Amino acid sequence: GGGLGGGGDGGGGEGGGGDPRGLGELVSGSADSVIVRWRDTSSASGAQASAEAEQSLQEEQALANALASGAVASAFRAALALRRPRALLTVLQGLPSTDAADASLRDCVRAAADDDLAFCLECSRDWSTRAAQALTGHRLLHAVLRAVPARKLAAVPRARSLVEALLPYAVRHYERLDRLLVGTHFLGYTLSSMRLLRPDAASAATAVGSSATAMPPRAAETVRVADPAAAPFGGGVVDALTLLATALGEAADEAAEGEGGGGGGG
């Protein structure tokens, strides 16, 4: 292409250079002595976008196939790869409430990378804010706490902030379930006491025994004496979160002290 200015020393002036060889490049310049080299990346950007879209479609199809066939591990990995909280929620809600399903979930979590573990903690935190999804979120959290060592969790990005955000929600849901369990026992106690007011129900109440009219211990005590691995909720999860938050805080303090000591020594 021709220059924008007059030629000098037998050459072209400061101007724009075309692309006679079809290299997809353009050079422009002006009197401010700034030369800009332009390159056409439309084809490369379009090819990359098409490849990403195709990869996303393949992962979504793999997720749909895994959900249809009941392949928990494949569906879990596909949901993590897509970074779709809704897809992960669908996978977890489709799991049966059995020990085998929980063991399979722990195996999937154990094989997850640090970024995937951070995504799991984020989903558990977000789901814990809603009572309808809190049980699923704590089931995932329970699997993470049981399958992943504390040392590995400490290396997860933003692990400390996520754990500290999860702790108050875990305590809140635990107390809510505690009140619900106490209320159900109180309802049974009330019905049993009402039966005693009827003469024809005295023999039935006697057959049931004194335990029917006695209030059970607090639900919190009932849950704590049970195996923490048997239920997603319970003192085991709350205690584990508290200990983990403390350990992460101590590790961060030690790292800060180490950096301070190293700077002072230098």
Protein backbone atom coordinates (compact mmCIF):
# COMPACT_ATOMS: atom_id res chain seq x y z
CA GLY A 1 0.00 0.00 0.00
CA GLY A 2 1.04 3.54 -0.51
CA GLY A 3 2.41 5.65 2.32
CA LEU A 4 0.46 8.33 4.09
CA GLY A 5 3.23 10.90 3.75
CA GLY A 6 5.84 11.92 1.23
CA GLY A 7 8.77 9.68 0.54
CA GLY A 8 12.19 10.34 1.91
CA ASP A 9 15.62 9.06 0.93
CA GLY A 10 14.12 7.19 -1.96
CA GLY A 11 11.74 5.23 0.23
CA GLY A 12 8.08 5.42 1.11
CA GLY A 13 6.85 7.79 3.75
CA GLU A 14 5.47 6.93 7.19
CA GLY A 15 2.27 5.23 6.26
CA GLY A 16 0.27 2.06 6.33
CA GLY A 17 1.59 -1.11 4.88
CA GLY A 18 -0.81 -3.49 3.23
CA ASP A 19 -0.69 -7.26 3.20
CA PRO A 20 0.50 -8.16 -0.30
CA ARG A 21 1.71 -11.61 0.73
CA GLY A 22 -1.47 -12.56 2.55
CA LEU A 23 0.14 -13.00 5.98
CA GLY A 24 -2.81 -11.49 7.83
CA GLU A 25 -0.73 -8.58 9.15
CA LEU A 26 -0.94 -4.82 8.81
CA VAL A 27 1.60 -2.20 9.82
CA SER A 28 0.53 1.36 10.46
CA GLY A 29 2.47 4.41 11.47
CA SER A 30 2.22 8.17 11.66
CA ALA A 31 4.25 11.30 12.33
CA ASP A 32 4.50 10.50 16.09
CA SER A 33 7.12 7.84 15.31
CA VAL A 34 4.86 5.04 16.58
CA ILE A 35 4.56 1.98 14.41
CA VAL A 36 1.73 -0.44 15.17
CA ARG A 37 1.72 -3.97 13.87
CA TRP A 38 -1.73 -5.48 13.45
CA ARG A 39 -2.44 -9.16 13.04
CA ASP A 40 -5.75 -10.71 12.05
CA THR A 41 -6.67 -13.35 14.67
CA SER A 42 -10.29 -13.78 13.66
CA SER A 43 -9.74 -17.28 12.31
CA ALA A 44 -7.78 -18.45 15.36
CA SER A 45 -10.30 -16.93 17.80
CA GLY A 46 -13.20 -18.45 15.91
CA ALA A 47 -11.55 -21.87 15.85
CA GLN A 48 -10.82 -21.69 19.58
CA ALA A 49 -14.40 -20.68 20.38
CA SER A 50 -15.73 -23.51 18.22
CA ALA A 51 -13.45 -26.02 19.95
CA GLU A 52 -14.52 -24.81 23.41
CA ALA A 53 -18.20 -25.00 22.43
CA GLU A 54 -17.73 -28.49 21.07
CA GLN A 55 -15.90 -29.57 24.23
CA SER A 56 -18.69 -28.13 26.38
CA LEU A 57 -21.32 -29.98 24.36
CA GLN A 58 -19.41 -33.23 24.71
CA GLU A 59 -19.14 -32.79 28.48
CA GLU A 60 -22.84 -31.96 28.76
CA GLN A 61 -23.68 -35.05 26.73
CA ALA A 62 -21.39 -37.14 28.92
CA LEU A 63 -23.16 -35.74 32.00
CA ALA A 64 -26.59 -36.54 30.56
CA ASN A 65 -25.51 -40.07 29.63
CA ALA A 66 -23.99 -40.65 33.07
CA LEU A 67 -27.14 -39.43 34.82
CA ALA A 68 -29.32 -41.63 32.62
CA SER A 69 -27.18 -44.72 33.23
CA GLY A 70 -26.67 -44.07 36.94
CA ALA A 71 -22.88 -43.79 36.67
CA VAL A 72 -22.20 -41.67 39.75
CA ALA A 73 -18.46 -41.26 39.26
CA SER A 74 -18.74 -40.20 35.63
CA ALA A 75 -21.60 -37.80 36.38
CA PHE A 76 -19.67 -36.29 39.30
CA ARG A 77 -16.55 -35.72 37.19
CA ALA A 78 -18.60 -34.24 34.34
CA ALA A 79 -20.38 -31.83 36.69
CA LEU A 80 -17.03 -30.71 38.13
CA ALA A 81 -15.57 -30.24 34.66
CA LEU A 82 -18.55 -28.11 33.60
CA ARG A 83 -18.44 -26.08 36.83
CA ARG A 84 -22.21 -26.29 37.00
CA PRO A 85 -23.53 -26.19 40.58
CA ARG A 86 -27.00 -27.16 39.39
CA ALA A 87 -25.65 -30.23 37.59
CA LEU A 88 -23.66 -31.24 40.67
CA LEU A 89 -26.76 -30.76 42.83
CA THR A 90 -28.72 -33.04 40.48
CA VAL A 91 -26.03 -35.71 40.74
CA LEU A 92 -25.98 -35.61 44.53
CA GLN A 93 -29.76 -35.56 44.88
CA GLY A 94 -29.93 -38.65 42.69
CA LEU A 95 -27.69 -40.62 45.04
CA PRO A 96 -29.50 -43.16 47.21
CA SER A 97 -29.16 -42.87 50.97
CA THR A 98 -26.96 -45.94 51.35
CA ASP A 99 -23.49 -46.62 52.68
CA ALA A 100 -22.37 -47.79 49.23
CA ALA A 101 -23.45 -44.49 47.65
CA ASP A 102 -21.65 -42.50 50.34
CA ALA A 103 -18.50 -44.57 49.82
CA SER A 104 -18.68 -43.96 46.07
CA LEU A 105 -19.05 -40.22 46.70
CA ARG A 106 -16.01 -40.23 48.98
CA ASP A 107 -13.99 -42.01 46.31
CA CYS A 108 -14.92 -39.33 43.78
CA VAL A 109 -14.01 -36.54 46.19
CA ARG A 110 -10.73 -38.22 47.11
CA ALA A 111 -9.64 -38.24 43.46
CA ALA A 112 -10.58 -34.58 42.88
CA ALA A 113 -7.98 -31.89 42.29
CA ASP A 114 -7.53 -28.84 44.51
CA ASP A 115 -9.61 -26.61 42.23
CA ASP A 116 -12.39 -29.19 42.20
CA LEU A 117 -12.32 -29.39 46.00
CA ALA A 118 -12.61 -25.61 46.18
CA PHE A 119 -15.61 -25.81 43.86
CA CYS A 120 -17.18 -28.48 46.10
CA LEU A 121 -16.71 -26.28 49.17
CA GLU A 122 -18.20 -23.31 47.32
CA CYS A 123 -21.25 -25.35 46.33
CA SER A 124 -21.66 -26.64 49.88
CA ARG A 125 -21.43 -23.08 51.20
CA ASP A 126 -24.02 -21.78 48.73
CA TRP A 127 -26.40 -24.68 49.29
CA SER A 128 -26.14 -24.29 53.06
CA THR A 129 -27.76 -20.88 52.79
CA ARG A 130 -31.05 -22.54 51.75
CA ALA A 131 -32.83 -25.04 53.93
CA ALA A 132 -34.14 -27.00 50.92
CA GLN A 133 -30.60 -27.75 49.72
CA ALA A 134 -28.76 -27.75 53.04
CA LEU A 135 -28.93 -31.52 53.48
CA THR A 136 -27.34 -32.10 50.06
CA GLY A 137 -24.68 -29.51 50.78
CA HIS A 138 -23.79 -31.12 54.08
CA ARG A 139 -23.68 -34.53 52.48
CA LEU A 140 -21.04 -33.25 50.08
CA LEU A 141 -19.24 -31.49 52.92
CA HIS A 142 -19.32 -34.67 54.99
CA ALA A 143 -17.71 -36.58 52.10
CA VAL A 144 -15.00 -33.93 51.73
CA LEU A 145 -14.16 -33.95 55.45
CA ARG A 146 -13.98 -37.73 55.57
CA ALA A 147 -12.13 -38.36 52.31
CA VAL A 148 -9.61 -35.51 52.14
CA PRO A 149 -6.82 -35.09 54.72
CA ALA A 150 -6.53 -31.76 56.50
CA ARG A 151 -3.10 -31.17 54.97
CA LYS A 152 -4.56 -31.37 51.47
CA LEU A 153 -7.52 -29.19 52.41
CA ALA A 154 -5.10 -26.55 53.68
CA ALA A 155 -3.65 -26.33 50.15
CA VAL A 156 -7.06 -25.74 48.57
CA PRO A 157 -7.47 -22.15 47.30
CA ARG A 158 -9.49 -19.99 49.73
CA ALA A 159 -9.99 -22.98 52.02
CA ARG A 160 -9.90 -20.93 55.20
CA SER A 161 -12.52 -18.40 54.07
CA LEU A 162 -14.79 -21.16 52.77
CA VAL A 163 -14.58 -23.16 56.00
CA GLU A 164 -15.21 -20.07 58.12
CA ALA A 165 -18.26 -19.27 55.98
CA LEU A 166 -19.57 -22.84 56.30
CA LEU A 167 -19.25 -23.08 60.07
CA PRO A 168 -22.11 -20.74 61.13
CA TYR A 169 -24.49 -22.33 58.64
CA ALA A 170 -23.59 -25.80 59.89
CA VAL A 171 -24.28 -24.77 63.49
CA ARG A 172 -27.55 -23.10 62.47
CA HIS A 173 -28.86 -26.15 60.60
CA TYR A 174 -27.73 -28.44 63.39
CA GLU A 175 -29.66 -26.42 65.95
CA ARG A 176 -32.71 -26.35 63.67
CA LEU A 177 -32.69 -30.13 63.36
CA ASP A 178 -32.15 -30.39 67.09
CA ARG A 179 -35.31 -28.35 67.72
CA LEU A 180 -37.21 -30.38 65.14
CA LEU A 181 -36.19 -33.67 66.73
CA VAL A 182 -37.10 -32.44 70.20
CA GLY A 183 -40.45 -31.28 68.85
CA THR A 184 -41.23 -34.69 67.36
CA HIS A 185 -40.44 -36.38 70.67
CA PHE A 186 -42.61 -33.85 72.49
CA LEU A 187 -45.45 -34.62 70.09
CA GLY A 188 -45.16 -38.32 70.85
CA TYR A 189 -45.04 -37.57 74.56
CA THR A 190 -48.19 -35.44 74.28
CA LEU A 191 -50.13 -38.09 72.36
CA SER A 192 -49.10 -40.77 74.83
CA SER A 193 -50.23 -38.58 77.76
CA MET A 194 -53.58 -37.96 76.05
CA ARG A 195 -54.12 -41.71 75.71
CA LEU A 196 -53.70 -42.07 79.47
CA LEU A 197 -56.75 -39.84 79.97
CA ARG A 198 -58.93 -42.47 78.33
CA PRO A 199 -59.89 -45.43 80.56
CA ASP A 200 -59.98 -47.87 77.65
CA ALA A 201 -56.41 -46.87 76.68
CA ALA A 202 -54.87 -47.46 80.11
CA SER A 203 -53.99 -51.07 79.33
CA ALA A 204 -52.42 -50.04 76.01
CA ALA A 205 -50.32 -47.37 77.69
CA THR A 206 -49.22 -49.86 80.35
CA ALA A 207 -48.19 -52.27 77.62
CA VAL A 208 -46.09 -49.61 75.96
CA GLY A 209 -44.23 -48.94 79.20
CA SER A 210 -42.95 -45.92 81.02
CA SER A 211 -40.65 -44.94 78.15
CA ALA A 212 -43.69 -43.81 76.15
CA THR A 213 -44.44 -41.05 78.66
CA ALA A 214 -40.87 -40.05 79.41
CA MET A 215 -39.23 -37.24 77.51
CA PRO A 216 -36.10 -38.43 75.68
CA PRO A 217 -32.73 -36.72 76.11
CA ARG A 218 -31.87 -33.71 74.03
CA ALA A 219 -31.62 -34.39 70.35
CA ALA A 220 -28.08 -33.05 70.37
CA GLU A 221 -27.03 -35.76 72.82
CA THR A 222 -28.86 -38.38 70.78
CA VAL A 223 -27.04 -37.37 67.61
CA ARG A 224 -23.64 -37.10 69.25
CA VAL A 225 -23.69 -40.59 70.70
CA ALA A 226 -24.38 -41.96 67.23
CA ASP A 227 -21.64 -42.65 64.73
CA PRO A 228 -20.72 -39.31 63.08
CA ALA A 229 -20.11 -41.18 59.82
CA ALA A 230 -23.71 -42.39 59.73
CA ALA A 231 -25.35 -39.01 59.16
CA PRO A 232 -24.38 -35.89 57.26
CA PHE A 233 -25.51 -33.66 60.12
CA GLY A 234 -24.35 -33.91 63.68
CA GLY A 235 -21.65 -32.80 66.04
CA GLY A 236 -19.02 -34.59 63.98
CA VAL A 237 -19.31 -32.18 61.04
CA VAL A 238 -19.46 -29.09 63.26
CA ASP A 239 -16.48 -30.21 65.33
CA ALA A 240 -14.50 -31.10 62.20
CA LEU A 241 -15.19 -27.68 60.67
CA THR A 242 -14.17 -25.94 63.89
CA LEU A 243 -10.92 -27.89 64.14
CA LEU A 244 -10.18 -27.36 60.46
CA ALA A 245 -10.77 -23.61 60.70
CA THR A 246 -8.45 -23.45 63.72
CA ALA A 247 -5.77 -25.48 61.95
CA LEU A 248 -5.97 -23.30 58.83
CA GLY A 249 -5.70 -20.18 60.95
CA GLU A 250 -2.64 -21.49 62.78
CA ALA A 251 -1.02 -22.48 59.49
CA ALA A 252 -1.62 -19.01 58.08
CA ASP A 253 -0.16 -17.41 61.22
CA GLU A 254 2.92 -19.64 61.07
CA ALA A 255 3.41 -18.78 57.41
CA ALA A 256 3.15 -15.06 58.17
CA GLU A 257 5.66 -15.38 61.03
CA GLY A 258 8.02 -17.31 58.77
CA GLU A 259 7.86 -14.62 56.11
CA GLY A 260 8.42 -11.93 58.73
CA GLY A 261 11.42 -13.75 60.20
CA GLY A 262 12.89 -14.30 56.77
CA GLY A 263 12.51 -10.63 55.91
CA GLY A 264 14.14 -9.57 59.17
CA GLY A 265 17.04 -11.94 58.71
CA GLY A 266 17.64 -10.66 55.22
